[in-house]
Amino acid sequence: MYSHMMVGSNDLDRSKTFYDALFASMGGRPGIQDDKGRLIYMHNGGLFLVTKPIDGEPATHANGGTIGFAMDGPEQANAWHAAGLSAGGRAIEDPPGVRSAGFGDLYLAYLRDPDGNKLCAMHRMPKAA
């Protein structure tokens, strides 16, 4: 359904440091910069971009919005969370761990990037036998 996700940033160098660390923790590559200065990350068939707002206004985060990244398991989610914290992110909500939902258990880890965007690492836990 989705073709890509893009967030705004007021400091692309800071964002590159942060998102390069997150994507490296998932086995991804560092972002590339296009001729308009946007950062582009390609991983597992997805496209994630970071840009200064086109209208010239400051970048702001979406209140109530969350960007979810699929993880291979809890270990990868923990590495993602640690990489984000060490690269300028901020831990939010509960510590990384399993949450029960009506459709199964999820391993979740939440961060805010340096511009305040809410990010989530998510792994669907196997159903108990």
N, C-alpha and C. Protein backbone atom coordinates (compact mmCIF):
# COMPACT_ATOMS: atom_id res chain seq x y z
N MET A 1 0.81 -1.19 0.00
CA MET A 1 0.00 0.00 0.00
C MET A 1 0.86 1.26 0.00
N TYR A 2 1.97 1.26 0.71
CA TYR A 2 2.79 2.46 0.81
C TYR A 2 3.97 2.37 -0.15
N SER A 3 4.35 3.50 -0.72
CA SER A 3 5.52 3.52 -1.60
C SER A 3 6.77 3.97 -0.86
N HIS A 4 6.60 4.86 0.13
CA HIS A 4 7.75 5.37 0.88
C HIS A 4 7.28 6.12 2.12
N MET A 5 8.24 6.46 2.96
CA MET A 5 7.99 7.28 4.15
C MET A 5 9.03 8.38 4.15
N MET A 6 8.62 9.61 4.46
CA MET A 6 9.55 10.73 4.52
C MET A 6 9.28 11.52 5.78
N VAL A 7 10.36 11.92 6.46
CA VAL A 7 10.25 12.80 7.62
C VAL A 7 11.08 14.05 7.37
N GLY A 8 10.71 15.12 8.06
CA GLY A 8 11.46 16.35 7.95
C GLY A 8 12.54 16.44 9.01
N SER A 9 13.57 17.21 8.70
CA SER A 9 14.66 17.45 9.63
C SER A 9 15.15 18.88 9.50
N ASN A 10 15.59 19.43 10.63
CA ASN A 10 16.20 20.76 10.62
C ASN A 10 17.71 20.68 10.55
N ASP A 11 18.27 19.48 10.63
CA ASP A 11 19.72 19.28 10.61
C ASP A 11 20.01 17.93 9.94
N LEU A 12 20.25 17.95 8.64
CA LEU A 12 20.44 16.71 7.90
C LEU A 12 21.71 15.96 8.30
N ASP A 13 22.76 16.66 8.69
CA ASP A 13 23.97 15.97 9.14
C ASP A 13 23.68 15.17 10.41
N ARG A 14 22.98 15.78 11.34
CA ARG A 14 22.61 15.10 12.58
C ARG A 14 21.69 13.91 12.27
N SER A 15 20.74 14.11 11.36
CA SER A 15 19.83 13.02 10.98
C SER A 15 20.58 11.88 10.30
N LYS A 16 21.57 12.20 9.48
CA LYS A 16 22.33 11.14 8.81
C LYS A 16 23.07 10.30 9.84
N THR A 17 23.68 10.92 10.82
CA THR A 17 24.35 10.17 11.89
C THR A 17 23.37 9.25 12.59
N PHE A 18 22.20 9.77 12.93
CA PHE A 18 21.18 8.99 13.65
C PHE A 18 20.66 7.85 12.79
N TYR A 19 20.18 8.14 11.58
CA TYR A 19 19.56 7.10 10.76
C TYR A 19 20.59 6.12 10.18
N ASP A 20 21.80 6.55 9.91
CA ASP A 20 22.84 5.59 9.51
C ASP A 20 23.03 4.54 10.60
N ALA A 21 23.04 4.98 11.87
CA ALA A 21 23.20 4.04 12.99
C ALA A 21 22.01 3.10 13.09
N LEU A 22 20.78 3.62 12.92
CA LEU A 22 19.60 2.76 12.99
C LEU A 22 19.62 1.72 11.89
N PHE A 23 19.86 2.16 10.66
CA PHE A 23 19.83 1.21 9.54
C PHE A 23 20.97 0.21 9.63
N ALA A 24 22.14 0.62 10.09
CA ALA A 24 23.25 -0.32 10.26
C ALA A 24 22.87 -1.41 11.27
N SER A 25 22.14 -1.06 12.32
CA SER A 25 21.74 -2.04 13.33
C SER A 25 20.78 -3.09 12.76
N MET A 26 20.12 -2.77 11.63
CA MET A 26 19.20 -3.70 10.98
C MET A 26 19.84 -4.38 9.77
N GLY A 27 21.13 -4.15 9.56
CA GLY A 27 21.80 -4.73 8.39
C GLY A 27 21.68 -3.88 7.14
N GLY A 28 21.24 -2.63 7.29
CA GLY A 28 21.09 -1.74 6.15
C GLY A 28 22.35 -0.94 5.87
N ARG A 29 22.30 -0.19 4.80
CA ARG A 29 23.43 0.64 4.38
C ARG A 29 23.22 2.09 4.79
N PRO A 30 24.31 2.86 4.84
CA PRO A 30 24.18 4.29 5.12
C PRO A 30 23.31 4.96 4.05
N GLY A 31 22.70 6.06 4.46
CA GLY A 31 21.87 6.81 3.51
C GLY A 31 22.71 7.47 2.44
N ILE A 32 22.09 7.65 1.29
CA ILE A 32 22.73 8.41 0.21
C ILE A 32 22.00 9.75 0.12
N GLN A 33 22.66 10.74 -0.43
CA GLN A 33 22.06 12.06 -0.56
C GLN A 33 21.82 12.35 -2.02
N ASP A 34 20.58 12.77 -2.36
CA ASP A 34 20.28 13.10 -3.75
C ASP A 34 20.67 14.55 -4.06
N ASP A 35 20.43 14.98 -5.29
CA ASP A 35 20.84 16.33 -5.70
C ASP A 35 20.05 17.44 -5.01
N LYS A 36 18.95 17.10 -4.34
CA LYS A 36 18.18 18.08 -3.58
C LYS A 36 18.55 18.07 -2.10
N GLY A 37 19.53 17.24 -1.72
CA GLY A 37 20.00 17.18 -0.35
C GLY A 37 19.25 16.19 0.53
N ARG A 38 18.25 15.51 -0.01
CA ARG A 38 17.47 14.55 0.78
C ARG A 38 18.30 13.30 1.05
N LEU A 39 18.13 12.74 2.24
CA LEU A 39 18.75 11.47 2.60
C LEU A 39 17.82 10.34 2.18
N ILE A 40 18.36 9.31 1.57
CA ILE A 40 17.56 8.20 1.07
C ILE A 40 18.12 6.89 1.63
N TYR A 41 17.24 6.12 2.25
CA TYR A 41 17.59 4.81 2.79
C TYR A 41 16.71 3.77 2.10
N MET A 42 17.35 2.73 1.56
CA MET A 42 16.64 1.63 0.93
C MET A 42 16.99 0.36 1.70
N HIS A 43 15.94 -0.35 2.16
CA HIS A 43 16.19 -1.57 2.96
C HIS A 43 14.98 -2.48 2.88
N ASN A 44 15.23 -3.75 2.58
CA ASN A 44 14.17 -4.77 2.53
C ASN A 44 12.97 -4.33 1.70
N GLY A 45 13.22 -3.70 0.58
CA GLY A 45 12.15 -3.28 -0.31
C GLY A 45 11.47 -1.99 0.07
N GLY A 46 11.86 -1.38 1.18
CA GLY A 46 11.25 -0.14 1.62
C GLY A 46 12.12 1.06 1.30
N LEU A 47 11.51 2.22 1.26
CA LEU A 47 12.21 3.47 0.96
C LEU A 47 11.86 4.47 2.07
N PHE A 48 12.89 4.99 2.73
CA PHE A 48 12.73 5.95 3.82
C PHE A 48 13.58 7.16 3.50
N LEU A 49 13.00 8.35 3.56
CA LEU A 49 13.70 9.57 3.21
C LEU A 49 13.63 10.59 4.33
N VAL A 50 14.66 11.44 4.40
CA VAL A 50 14.72 12.53 5.36
C VAL A 50 15.05 13.80 4.57
N THR A 51 14.30 14.88 4.81
CA THR A 51 14.49 16.09 4.03
C THR A 51 14.24 17.34 4.86
N LYS A 52 14.82 18.42 4.44
CA LYS A 52 14.41 19.73 4.97
C LYS A 52 13.08 20.04 4.29
N PRO A 53 12.12 20.63 4.99
CA PRO A 53 10.83 20.92 4.37
C PRO A 53 10.97 21.81 3.13
N ILE A 54 10.24 21.46 2.11
CA ILE A 54 10.29 22.19 0.83
C ILE A 54 9.79 23.61 0.99
N ASP A 55 8.85 23.84 1.92
CA ASP A 55 8.28 25.19 2.06
C ASP A 55 9.18 26.15 2.83
N GLY A 56 10.36 25.67 3.28
CA GLY A 56 11.29 26.54 3.99
C GLY A 56 10.98 26.74 5.46
N GLU A 57 9.85 26.22 5.93
CA GLU A 57 9.47 26.32 7.34
C GLU A 57 10.24 25.27 8.14
N PRO A 58 10.34 25.43 9.47
CA PRO A 58 11.02 24.43 10.28
C PRO A 58 10.31 23.07 10.23
N ALA A 59 11.08 22.00 10.29
CA ALA A 59 10.51 20.65 10.36
C ALA A 59 9.91 20.45 11.75
N THR A 60 8.76 19.82 11.80
CA THR A 60 8.12 19.45 13.06
C THR A 60 7.69 17.99 12.96
N HIS A 61 7.51 17.34 14.10
CA HIS A 61 7.09 15.94 14.09
C HIS A 61 5.57 15.85 14.17
N ALA A 62 5.06 14.70 13.78
CA ALA A 62 3.61 14.47 13.80
C ALA A 62 3.18 14.02 15.18
N ASN A 63 2.35 14.79 15.83
CA ASN A 63 1.82 14.40 17.13
C ASN A 63 0.83 13.27 16.91
N GLY A 64 1.09 12.10 17.51
CA GLY A 64 0.23 10.93 17.32
C GLY A 64 0.73 10.02 16.22
N GLY A 65 1.68 10.46 15.42
CA GLY A 65 2.22 9.63 14.35
C GLY A 65 3.36 8.76 14.85
N THR A 66 3.49 7.56 14.27
CA THR A 66 4.58 6.66 14.58
C THR A 66 5.05 6.00 13.29
N ILE A 67 6.35 5.88 13.14
CA ILE A 67 6.92 5.18 11.99
C ILE A 67 7.49 3.88 12.51
N GLY A 68 6.99 2.76 11.99
CA GLY A 68 7.40 1.45 12.46
C GLY A 68 8.40 0.79 11.53
N PHE A 69 9.43 0.18 12.12
CA PHE A 69 10.44 -0.57 11.38
C PHE A 69 10.33 -2.04 11.77
N ALA A 70 10.20 -2.92 10.79
CA ALA A 70 10.10 -4.36 11.04
C ALA A 70 11.46 -4.92 11.44
N MET A 71 11.46 -5.74 12.49
CA MET A 71 12.69 -6.35 13.01
C MET A 71 12.62 -7.86 12.85
N ASP A 72 13.80 -8.49 12.75
CA ASP A 72 13.89 -9.94 12.65
C ASP A 72 13.66 -10.63 13.99
N GLY A 73 13.86 -9.93 15.08
CA GLY A 73 13.69 -10.52 16.40
C GLY A 73 13.98 -9.51 17.48
N PRO A 74 13.77 -9.89 18.75
CA PRO A 74 14.04 -8.98 19.87
C PRO A 74 15.48 -8.48 19.90
N GLU A 75 16.43 -9.34 19.56
CA GLU A 75 17.84 -8.92 19.58
C GLU A 75 18.09 -7.76 18.62
N GLN A 76 17.50 -7.85 17.43
CA GLN A 76 17.68 -6.78 16.45
C GLN A 76 16.98 -5.51 16.93
N ALA A 77 15.81 -5.64 17.54
CA ALA A 77 15.11 -4.47 18.08
C ALA A 77 15.93 -3.81 19.18
N ASN A 78 16.55 -4.61 20.03
CA ASN A 78 17.40 -4.04 21.09
C ASN A 78 18.62 -3.35 20.51
N ALA A 79 19.24 -3.94 19.48
CA ALA A 79 20.39 -3.30 18.83
C ALA A 79 19.98 -1.99 18.18
N TRP A 80 18.82 -1.96 17.54
CA TRP A 80 18.26 -0.76 16.90
C TRP A 80 18.06 0.33 17.95
N HIS A 81 17.46 -0.03 19.08
CA HIS A 81 17.20 0.91 20.15
C HIS A 81 18.50 1.47 20.71
N ALA A 82 19.47 0.60 20.97
CA ALA A 82 20.77 1.04 21.50
C ALA A 82 21.49 1.94 20.50
N ALA A 83 21.45 1.59 19.22
CA ALA A 83 22.10 2.40 18.19
C ALA A 83 21.46 3.79 18.14
N GLY A 84 20.14 3.84 18.22
CA GLY A 84 19.45 5.12 18.20
C GLY A 84 19.80 5.99 19.40
N LEU A 85 19.87 5.39 20.58
CA LEU A 85 20.23 6.15 21.78
C LEU A 85 21.64 6.70 21.68
N SER A 86 22.57 5.88 21.19
CA SER A 86 23.96 6.34 21.11
C SER A 86 24.19 7.35 19.99
N ALA A 87 23.23 7.47 19.07
CA ALA A 87 23.37 8.40 17.95
C ALA A 87 22.49 9.64 18.10
N GLY A 88 22.01 9.89 19.32
CA GLY A 88 21.28 11.13 19.56
C GLY A 88 19.78 10.99 19.71
N GLY A 89 19.26 9.77 19.68
CA GLY A 89 17.83 9.56 19.90
C GLY A 89 17.49 9.58 21.38
N ARG A 90 16.20 9.52 21.66
CA ARG A 90 15.72 9.58 23.04
C ARG A 90 14.72 8.45 23.26
N ALA A 91 14.92 7.66 24.31
CA ALA A 91 13.99 6.58 24.65
C ALA A 91 12.66 7.17 25.11
N ILE A 92 11.58 6.57 24.68
CA ILE A 92 10.24 7.01 25.09
C ILE A 92 9.39 5.79 25.43
N GLU A 93 8.28 6.03 26.07
CA GLU A 93 7.32 5.00 26.47
C GLU A 93 8.00 3.97 27.35
N ASP A 94 7.51 2.75 27.35
CA ASP A 94 8.08 1.69 28.18
C ASP A 94 9.41 1.23 27.60
N PRO A 95 10.26 0.59 28.41
CA PRO A 95 11.50 0.03 27.88
C PRO A 95 11.18 -1.03 26.82
N PRO A 96 12.12 -1.36 25.94
CA PRO A 96 11.87 -2.40 24.95
C PRO A 96 11.40 -3.69 25.62
N GLY A 97 10.41 -4.33 25.01
CA GLY A 97 9.90 -5.58 25.56
C GLY A 97 8.62 -6.02 24.87
N VAL A 98 8.09 -7.14 25.36
CA VAL A 98 6.89 -7.75 24.78
C VAL A 98 5.65 -7.04 25.31
N ARG A 99 4.74 -6.72 24.39
CA ARG A 99 3.43 -6.19 24.74
C ARG A 99 2.39 -7.12 24.14
N SER A 100 1.34 -7.40 24.87
CA SER A 100 0.26 -8.24 24.37
C SER A 100 -0.76 -7.37 23.67
N ALA A 101 -1.18 -7.84 22.51
CA ALA A 101 -2.21 -7.15 21.73
C ALA A 101 -3.27 -8.18 21.36
N GLY A 102 -4.41 -7.72 20.93
CA GLY A 102 -5.49 -8.62 20.57
C GLY A 102 -5.14 -9.56 19.44
N PHE A 103 -4.14 -9.22 18.66
CA PHE A 103 -3.74 -10.05 17.51
C PHE A 103 -2.40 -10.74 17.72
N GLY A 104 -1.95 -10.82 18.98
CA GLY A 104 -0.71 -11.53 19.29
C GLY A 104 0.26 -10.66 20.05
N ASP A 105 1.34 -11.29 20.49
CA ASP A 105 2.37 -10.57 21.24
C ASP A 105 3.36 -9.90 20.30
N LEU A 106 3.75 -8.69 20.66
CA LEU A 106 4.69 -7.90 19.87
C LEU A 106 5.87 -7.52 20.74
N TYR A 107 7.06 -7.57 20.18
CA TYR A 107 8.23 -7.01 20.86
C TYR A 107 8.41 -5.62 20.30
N LEU A 108 8.36 -4.60 21.16
CA LEU A 108 8.39 -3.21 20.72
C LEU A 108 9.49 -2.43 21.43
N ALA A 109 10.09 -1.50 20.70
CA ALA A 109 11.06 -0.56 21.25
C ALA A 109 10.78 0.80 20.60
N TYR A 110 10.70 1.85 21.41
CA TYR A 110 10.35 3.18 20.91
C TYR A 110 11.46 4.19 21.13
N LEU A 111 11.61 5.08 20.15
CA LEU A 111 12.57 6.19 20.21
C LEU A 111 11.94 7.43 19.61
N ARG A 112 12.50 8.57 19.95
CA ARG A 112 12.27 9.79 19.17
C ARG A 112 13.60 10.13 18.52
N ASP A 113 13.55 10.47 17.24
CA ASP A 113 14.78 10.88 16.56
C ASP A 113 15.16 12.28 17.02
N PRO A 114 16.31 12.81 16.60
CA PRO A 114 16.74 14.13 17.08
C PRO A 114 15.77 15.27 16.74
N ASP A 115 14.89 15.07 15.74
CA ASP A 115 13.90 16.10 15.40
C ASP A 115 12.55 15.86 16.05
N GLY A 116 12.43 14.80 16.86
CA GLY A 116 11.19 14.53 17.59
C GLY A 116 10.26 13.54 16.93
N ASN A 117 10.61 12.96 15.77
CA ASN A 117 9.76 11.97 15.12
C ASN A 117 9.73 10.69 15.96
N LYS A 118 8.55 10.12 16.14
CA LYS A 118 8.39 8.90 16.94
C LYS A 118 8.62 7.68 16.06
N LEU A 119 9.53 6.81 16.51
CA LEU A 119 9.91 5.62 15.77
C LEU A 119 9.67 4.40 16.64
N CYS A 120 9.37 3.27 15.98
CA CYS A 120 9.11 2.03 16.70
C CYS A 120 9.79 0.88 15.97
N ALA A 121 10.51 0.05 16.72
CA ALA A 121 11.02 -1.23 16.21
C ALA A 121 10.00 -2.28 16.64
N MET A 122 9.54 -3.12 15.69
CA MET A 122 8.50 -4.10 16.02
C MET A 122 8.85 -5.47 15.47
N HIS A 123 8.67 -6.47 16.33
CA HIS A 123 8.81 -7.86 15.93
C HIS A 123 7.59 -8.61 16.43
N ARG A 124 6.92 -9.32 15.53
CA ARG A 124 5.77 -10.16 15.92
C ARG A 124 6.32 -11.45 16.53
N MET A 125 5.97 -11.68 17.79
CA MET A 125 6.46 -12.86 18.49
C MET A 125 5.73 -14.11 17.98
N PRO A 126 6.44 -15.24 17.93
CA PRO A 126 5.77 -16.48 17.51
C PRO A 126 4.65 -16.84 18.50
N LYS A 127 3.61 -17.45 17.97
CA LYS A 127 2.50 -17.87 18.83
C LYS A 127 2.96 -19.02 19.71
N ALA A 128 2.54 -18.99 20.96
CA ALA A 128 2.89 -20.06 21.89
C ALA A 128 2.24 -21.37 21.45
N ALA A 129 2.96 -22.46 21.59
CA ALA A 129 2.43 -23.77 21.16
C ALA A 129 1.48 -24.34 22.17
